[in-house]
């Protein structure tokens, strides 16, 4: 399946999600291009992507950032959690 996603980055939310059969790739690509052109004309800075995945469940697994809130993404990333927990060094400690 093909998935056309319009994503509002500042809000961290999907504006629209359209599904296409693989045989409709040309139609999906045309819709993606038309959407990007329209958003550009209107000055809307949304991200537009066309992704290929076996199912919506697989897409949610591989491209979770489109489907999760910022808080959910932060909770799911041990690296981000660890960096947020680090105590910033003072300028004097950094010079040592």
Foldseek 3Di string as FASTA:
>chain_A
DKWKWWAQVVQQETPDIDDDDPVCVVVVVVVQVVVVVVCVVVVHPTDIDMDDDPDVVRVCVVVVSHVDGPVVVCVVDPVNVVVVPDDDDDPVVVVD
